[in-house]
Amino acid sequence: MFGQQVRYESEFTKFINAFLEKNPDVAQGQMEGRALLWDKAPLDMDERRREEASSVKPKAYPYQAD
C-alpha cells in the first residue's frame, strides 16, 4: 500500500519533456540567451569606488534656481 509512490506528472511537463527530447538545440539557445541577458562580468571594486566618488549629488529640488 505505501511501498510505491506514483509521481504525478502534468500534461505540460510531459509536453515540455517530449519537446526538449525532439529539439535538443533549444536548451543551448536558452543558455545563450541567459548568458546574453543575465551573466555579467565581475565588478571591479576600485573602479566602482572611483565612480561613486566622482559622481555629483543631485539637488533635492531640481527646479529651484540657485
PDB file of N, CA and C in Angstrom:
ATOM      1  N   MET A   1       0.814  -1.184   0.000  1.00  0.00           N
ATOM      2  CA  MET A   1       0.000   0.000   0.000  1.00  0.00           C
ATOM      3  C   MET A   1       0.865   1.257   0.000  1.00  0.00           C
ATOM      4  N   PHE A   2       1.865   1.334   0.887  1.00  0.00           N
ATOM      5  CA  PHE A   2       2.696   2.512   0.965  1.00  0.00           C
ATOM      6  C   PHE A   2       4.065   2.297   0.327  1.00  0.00           C
ATOM      7  N   GLY A   3       4.305   1.148  -0.268  1.00  0.00           N
ATOM      8  CA  GLY A   3       5.612   0.817  -0.826  1.00  0.00           C
ATOM      9  C   GLY A   3       5.966   1.627  -2.052  1.00  0.00           C
ATOM     10  N   GLN A   4       5.031   1.786  -2.972  1.00  0.00           N
ATOM     11  CA  GLN A   4       5.313   2.516  -4.192  1.00  0.00           C
ATOM     12  C   GLN A   4       4.535   3.818  -4.204  1.00  0.00           C
ATOM     13  N   GLN A   5       5.237   4.886  -4.585  1.00  0.00           N
ATOM     14  CA  GLN A   5       4.576   6.167  -4.734  1.00  0.00           C
ATOM     15  C   GLN A   5       4.508   6.508  -6.211  1.00  0.00           C
ATOM     16  N   VAL A   6       3.344   6.847  -6.660  1.00  0.00           N
ATOM     17  CA  VAL A   6       3.163   7.244  -8.045  1.00  0.00           C
ATOM     18  C   VAL A   6       3.418   8.738  -8.122  1.00  0.00           C
ATOM     19  N   ARG A   7       4.370   9.115  -8.961  1.00  0.00           N
ATOM     20  CA  ARG A   7       4.734  10.521  -9.076  1.00  0.00           C
ATOM     21  C   ARG A   7       3.864  11.166 -10.149  1.00  0.00           C
ATOM     22  N   TYR A   8       3.175  12.230  -9.779  1.00  0.00           N
ATOM     23  CA  TYR A   8       2.305  12.935 -10.715  1.00  0.00           C
ATOM     24  C   TYR A   8       3.145  13.751 -11.679  1.00  0.00           C
ATOM     25  N   GLU A   9       2.783  13.707 -12.951  1.00  0.00           N
ATOM     26  CA  GLU A   9       3.444  14.497 -13.982  1.00  0.00           C
ATOM     27  C   GLU A   9       2.363  15.145 -14.829  1.00  0.00           C
ATOM     28  N   SER A  10       2.345  16.465 -14.871  1.00  0.00           N
ATOM     29  CA  SER A  10       1.285  17.175 -15.585  1.00  0.00           C
ATOM     30  C   SER A  10       1.437  17.019 -17.093  1.00  0.00           C
ATOM     31  N   GLU A  11       0.379  17.356 -17.801  1.00  0.00           N
ATOM     32  CA  GLU A  11       0.400  17.296 -19.260  1.00  0.00           C
ATOM     33  C   GLU A  11       1.444  18.261 -19.817  1.00  0.00           C
ATOM     34  N   PHE A  12       1.551  19.430 -19.203  1.00  0.00           N
ATOM     35  CA  PHE A  12       2.520  20.418 -19.662  1.00  0.00           C
ATOM     36  C   PHE A  12       3.950  19.914 -19.482  1.00  0.00           C
ATOM     37  N   THR A  13       4.242  19.287 -18.349  1.00  0.00           N
ATOM     38  CA  THR A  13       5.571  18.735 -18.100  1.00  0.00           C
ATOM     39  C   THR A  13       5.900  17.654 -19.126  1.00  0.00           C
ATOM     40  N   LYS A  14       4.928  16.817 -19.417  1.00  0.00           N
ATOM     41  CA  LYS A  14       5.132  15.779 -20.435  1.00  0.00           C
ATOM     42  C   LYS A  14       5.404  16.410 -21.796  1.00  0.00           C
ATOM     43  N   PHE A  15       4.651  17.464 -22.129  1.00  0.00           N
ATOM     44  CA  PHE A  15       4.838  18.151 -23.404  1.00  0.00           C
ATOM     45  C   PHE A  15       6.232  18.759 -23.507  1.00  0.00           C
ATOM     46  N   ILE A  16       6.658  19.456 -22.459  1.00  0.00           N
ATOM     47  CA  ILE A  16       7.972  20.103 -22.473  1.00  0.00           C
ATOM     48  C   ILE A  16       9.084  19.063 -22.564  1.00  0.00           C
ATOM     49  N   ASN A  17       8.975  17.990 -21.812  1.00  0.00           N
ATOM     50  CA  ASN A  17       9.999  16.939 -21.866  1.00  0.00           C
ATOM     51  C   ASN A  17      10.088  16.322 -23.254  1.00  0.00           C
ATOM     52  N   ALA A  18       8.933  16.057 -23.876  1.00  0.00           N
ATOM     53  CA  ALA A  18       8.927  15.496 -25.231  1.00  0.00           C
ATOM     54  C   ALA A  18       9.500  16.497 -26.228  1.00  0.00           C
ATOM     55  N   PHE A  19       9.149  17.763 -26.070  1.00  0.00           N
ATOM     56  CA  PHE A  19       9.650  18.802 -26.976  1.00  0.00           C
ATOM     57  C   PHE A  19      11.167  18.928 -26.881  1.00  0.00           C
ATOM     58  N   LEU A  20      11.693  18.916 -25.651  1.00  0.00           N
ATOM     59  CA  LEU A  20      13.144  19.042 -25.477  1.00  0.00           C
ATOM     60  C   LEU A  20      13.891  17.806 -25.979  1.00  0.00           C
ATOM     61  N   GLU A  21      13.265  16.646 -25.913  1.00  0.00           N
ATOM     62  CA  GLU A  21      13.897  15.446 -26.473  1.00  0.00           C
ATOM     63  C   GLU A  21      13.966  15.530 -27.989  1.00  0.00           C
ATOM     64  N   LYS A  22      12.928  16.076 -28.615  1.00  0.00           N
ATOM     65  CA  LYS A  22      12.905  16.198 -30.075  1.00  0.00           C
ATOM     66  C   LYS A  22      13.766  17.357 -30.576  1.00  0.00           C
ATOM     67  N   ASN A  23      13.932  18.387 -29.751  1.00  0.00           N
ATOM     68  CA  ASN A  23      14.662  19.594 -30.149  1.00  0.00           C
ATOM     69  C   ASN A  23      15.750  19.916 -29.116  1.00  0.00           C
ATOM     70  N   PRO A  24      16.861  19.194 -29.110  1.00  0.00           N
ATOM     71  CA  PRO A  24      17.892  19.441 -28.097  1.00  0.00           C
ATOM     72  C   PRO A  24      18.605  20.785 -28.266  1.00  0.00           C
ATOM     73  N   ASP A  25      18.508  21.406 -29.436  1.00  0.00           N
ATOM     74  CA  ASP A  25      19.161  22.693 -29.654  1.00  0.00           C
ATOM     75  C   ASP A  25      18.472  23.831 -28.902  1.00  0.00           C
ATOM     76  N   VAL A  26      17.247  23.622 -28.466  1.00  0.00           N
ATOM     77  CA  VAL A  26      16.514  24.656 -27.720  1.00  0.00           C
ATOM     78  C   VAL A  26      17.208  24.941 -26.391  1.00  0.00           C
ATOM     79  N   ALA A  27      17.679  23.924 -25.719  1.00  0.00           N
ATOM     80  CA  ALA A  27      18.353  24.108 -24.427  1.00  0.00           C
ATOM     81  C   ALA A  27      19.618  24.954 -24.603  1.00  0.00           C
ATOM     82  N   GLN A  28      20.350  24.729 -25.690  1.00  0.00           N
ATOM     83  CA  GLN A  28      21.561  25.525 -25.947  1.00  0.00           C
ATOM     84  C   GLN A  28      21.177  26.981 -26.196  1.00  0.00           C
ATOM     85  N   GLY A  29      20.108  27.208 -26.923  1.00  0.00           N
ATOM     86  CA  GLY A  29      19.637  28.569 -27.163  1.00  0.00           C
ATOM     87  C   GLY A  29      19.210  29.265 -25.881  1.00  0.00           C
ATOM     88  N   GLN A  30      18.607  28.511 -24.973  1.00  0.00           N
ATOM     89  CA  GLN A  30      18.216  29.085 -23.680  1.00  0.00           C
ATOM     90  C   GLN A  30      19.440  29.519 -22.887  1.00  0.00           C
ATOM     91  N   MET A  31      20.481  28.686 -22.892  1.00  0.00           N
ATOM     92  CA  MET A  31      21.703  29.043 -22.163  1.00  0.00           C
ATOM     93  C   MET A  31      22.374  30.261 -22.773  1.00  0.00           C
ATOM     94  N   GLU A  32      22.381  30.361 -24.101  1.00  0.00           N
ATOM     95  CA  GLU A  32      22.972  31.528 -24.755  1.00  0.00           C
ATOM     96  C   GLU A  32      22.185  32.796 -24.438  1.00  0.00           C
ATOM     97  N   GLY A  33      20.860  32.699 -24.438  1.00  0.00           N
ATOM     98  CA  GLY A  33      20.027  33.847 -24.100  1.00  0.00           C
ATOM     99  C   GLY A  33      20.225  34.294 -22.664  1.00  0.00           C
ATOM    100  N   ARG A  34      20.345  33.344 -21.765  1.00  0.00           N
ATOM    101  CA  ARG A  34      20.582  33.681 -20.365  1.00  0.00           C
ATOM    102  C   ARG A  34      21.923  34.378 -20.207  1.00  0.00           C
ATOM    103  N   ALA A  35      22.941  33.867 -20.888  1.00  0.00           N
ATOM    104  CA  ALA A  35      24.264  34.474 -20.794  1.00  0.00           C
ATOM    105  C   ALA A  35      24.239  35.895 -21.345  1.00  0.00           C
ATOM    106  N   LEU A  36      23.472  36.116 -22.399  1.00  0.00           N
ATOM    107  CA  LEU A  36      23.391  37.436 -23.008  1.00  0.00           C
ATOM    108  C   LEU A  36      22.729  38.448 -22.081  1.00  0.00           C
ATOM    109  N   LEU A  37      21.665  38.022 -21.396  1.00  0.00           N
ATOM    110  CA  LEU A  37      20.889  38.965 -20.601  1.00  0.00           C
ATOM    111  C   LEU A  37      21.307  39.054 -19.138  1.00  0.00           C
ATOM    112  N   TRP A  38      21.777  37.964 -18.536  1.00  0.00           N
ATOM    113  CA  TRP A  38      21.957  37.940 -17.094  1.00  0.00           C
ATOM    114  C   TRP A  38      23.389  37.774 -16.619  1.00  0.00           C
ATOM    115  N   ASP A  39      24.198  37.006 -17.320  1.00  0.00           N
ATOM    116  CA  ASP A  39      25.557  36.763 -16.840  1.00  0.00           C
ATOM    117  C   ASP A  39      26.419  37.986 -17.130  1.00  0.00           C
ATOM    118  N   LYS A  40      26.929  38.596 -16.106  1.00  0.00           N
ATOM    119  CA  LYS A  40      27.721  39.819 -16.228  1.00  0.00           C
ATOM    120  C   LYS A  40      29.147  39.559 -15.761  1.00  0.00           C
ATOM    121  N   ALA A  41      30.047  40.404 -16.245  1.00  0.00           N
ATOM    122  CA  ALA A  41      31.440  40.316 -15.812  1.00  0.00           C
ATOM    123  C   ALA A  41      31.538  40.742 -14.351  1.00  0.00           C
ATOM    124  N   PRO A  42      32.488  40.211 -13.608  1.00  0.00           N
ATOM    125  CA  PRO A  42      32.617  40.606 -12.199  1.00  0.00           C
ATOM    126  C   PRO A  42      32.955  42.093 -12.074  1.00  0.00           C
ATOM    127  N   LEU A  43      32.467  42.701 -11.011  1.00  0.00           N
ATOM    128  CA  LEU A  43      32.699  44.126 -10.782  1.00  0.00           C
ATOM    129  C   LEU A  43      34.116  44.372 -10.274  1.00  0.00           C
ATOM    130  N   ASP A  44      34.704  45.451 -10.753  1.00  0.00           N
ATOM    131  CA  ASP A  44      35.995  45.902 -10.245  1.00  0.00           C
ATOM    132  C   ASP A  44      35.693  46.907  -9.130  1.00  0.00           C
ATOM    133  N   MET A  45      35.972  46.549  -7.900  1.00  0.00           N
ATOM    134  CA  MET A  45      35.574  47.368  -6.763  1.00  0.00           C
ATOM    135  C   MET A  45      36.299  48.702  -6.722  1.00  0.00           C
ATOM    136  N   ASP A  46      37.561  48.767  -7.175  1.00  0.00           N
ATOM    137  CA  ASP A  46      38.275  50.044  -7.206  1.00  0.00           C
ATOM    138  C   ASP A  46      37.622  50.998  -8.199  1.00  0.00           C
ATOM    139  N   GLU A  47      37.270  50.484  -9.361  1.00  0.00           N
ATOM    140  CA  GLU A  47      36.608  51.319 -10.362  1.00  0.00           C
ATOM    141  C   GLU A  47      35.252  51.782  -9.854  1.00  0.00           C
ATOM    142  N   ARG A  48      34.542  50.909  -9.187  1.00  0.00           N
ATOM    143  CA  ARG A  48      33.230  51.255  -8.628  1.00  0.00           C
ATOM    144  C   ARG A  48      33.359  52.376  -7.587  1.00  0.00           C
ATOM    145  N   ARG A  49      34.377  52.279  -6.715  1.00  0.00           N
ATOM    146  CA  ARG A  49      34.611  53.312  -5.705  1.00  0.00           C
ATOM    147  C   ARG A  49      34.919  54.658  -6.354  1.00  0.00           C
ATOM    148  N   ARG A  50      35.748  54.644  -7.419  1.00  0.00           N
ATOM    149  CA  ARG A  50      36.085  55.893  -8.108  1.00  0.00           C
ATOM    150  C   ARG A  50      34.861  56.507  -8.769  1.00  0.00           C
ATOM    151  N   GLU A  51      33.996  55.689  -9.364  1.00  0.00           N
ATOM    152  CA  GLU A  51      32.780  56.200  -9.989  1.00  0.00           C
ATOM    153  C   GLU A  51      31.855  56.828  -8.956  1.00  0.00           C
ATOM    154  N   GLU A  52      31.711  56.192  -7.807  1.00  0.00           N
ATOM    155  CA  GLU A  52      30.853  56.745  -6.754  1.00  0.00           C
ATOM    156  C   GLU A  52      31.428  58.044  -6.201  1.00  0.00           C
ATOM    157  N   ALA A  53      32.753  58.114  -6.059  1.00  0.00           N
ATOM    158  CA  ALA A  53      33.385  59.314  -5.524  1.00  0.00           C
ATOM    159  C   ALA A  53      33.309  60.476  -6.512  1.00  0.00           C
ATOM    160  N   SER A  54      33.318  60.198  -7.793  1.00  0.00           N
ATOM    161  CA  SER A  54      33.327  61.269  -8.785  1.00  0.00           C
ATOM    162  C   SER A  54      31.931  61.705  -9.215  1.00  0.00           C
ATOM    163  N   SER A  55      30.906  61.040  -8.728  1.00  0.00           N
ATOM    164  CA  SER A  55      29.550  61.426  -9.122  1.00  0.00           C
ATOM    165  C   SER A  55      29.109  62.674  -8.370  1.00  0.00           C
ATOM    166  N   VAL A  56      28.266  63.474  -9.014  1.00  0.00           N
ATOM    167  CA  VAL A  56      27.761  64.704  -8.421  1.00  0.00           C
ATOM    168  C   VAL A  56      26.394  64.414  -7.814  1.00  0.00           C
ATOM    169  N   LYS A  57      26.218  64.806  -6.565  1.00  0.00           N
ATOM    170  CA  LYS A  57      24.958  64.556  -5.885  1.00  0.00           C
ATOM    171  C   LYS A  57      23.878  65.467  -6.473  1.00  0.00           C
ATOM    172  N   PRO A  58      22.721  64.913  -6.849  1.00  0.00           N
ATOM    173  CA  PRO A  58      21.656  65.747  -7.419  1.00  0.00           C
ATOM    174  C   PRO A  58      21.014  66.627  -6.356  1.00  0.00           C
ATOM    175  N   LYS A  59      20.457  67.737  -6.814  1.00  0.00           N
ATOM    176  CA  LYS A  59      19.778  68.652  -5.898  1.00  0.00           C
ATOM    177  C   LYS A  59      18.482  68.009  -5.414  1.00  0.00           C
ATOM    178  N   ALA A  60      18.040  68.441  -4.228  1.00  0.00           N
ATOM    179  CA  ALA A  60      16.811  67.899  -3.666  1.00  0.00           C
ATOM    180  C   ALA A  60      15.608  68.389  -4.478  1.00  0.00           C
ATOM    181  N   TYR A  61      15.662  69.623  -4.968  1.00  0.00           N
ATOM    182  CA  TYR A  61      14.595  70.173  -5.794  1.00  0.00           C
ATOM    183  C   TYR A  61      15.227  70.741  -7.037  1.00  0.00           C
ATOM    184  N   PRO A  62      15.188  70.042  -8.149  1.00  0.00           N
ATOM    185  CA  PRO A  62      15.941  70.446  -9.325  1.00  0.00           C
ATOM    186  C   PRO A  62      15.434  71.698 -10.007  1.00  0.00           C
ATOM    187  N   TYR A  63      14.209  72.137  -9.725  1.00  0.00           N
ATOM    188  CA  TYR A  63      13.647  73.290 -10.419  1.00  0.00           C
ATOM    189  C   TYR A  63      13.955  74.619  -9.720  1.00  0.00           C
ATOM    190  N   GLN A  64      14.584  74.560  -8.580  1.00  0.00           N
ATOM    191  CA  GLN A  64      14.939  75.773  -7.856  1.00  0.00           C
ATOM    192  C   GLN A  64      16.200  76.354  -8.460  1.00  0.00           C
ATOM    193  N   ALA A  65      16.167  77.639  -8.819  1.00  0.00           N
ATOM    194  CA  ALA A  65      17.346  78.303  -9.401  1.00  0.00           C
ATOM    195  C   ALA A  65      18.252  78.795  -8.281  1.00  0.00           C
ATOM    196  N   ASP A  66      19.471  78.315  -8.261  1.00  0.00           N
ATOM    197  CA  ASP A  66      20.422  78.756  -7.236  1.00  0.00           C
ATOM    198  C   ASP A  66      21.459  79.653  -7.873  1.00  0.00           C
TER     199      ASP A  66
END
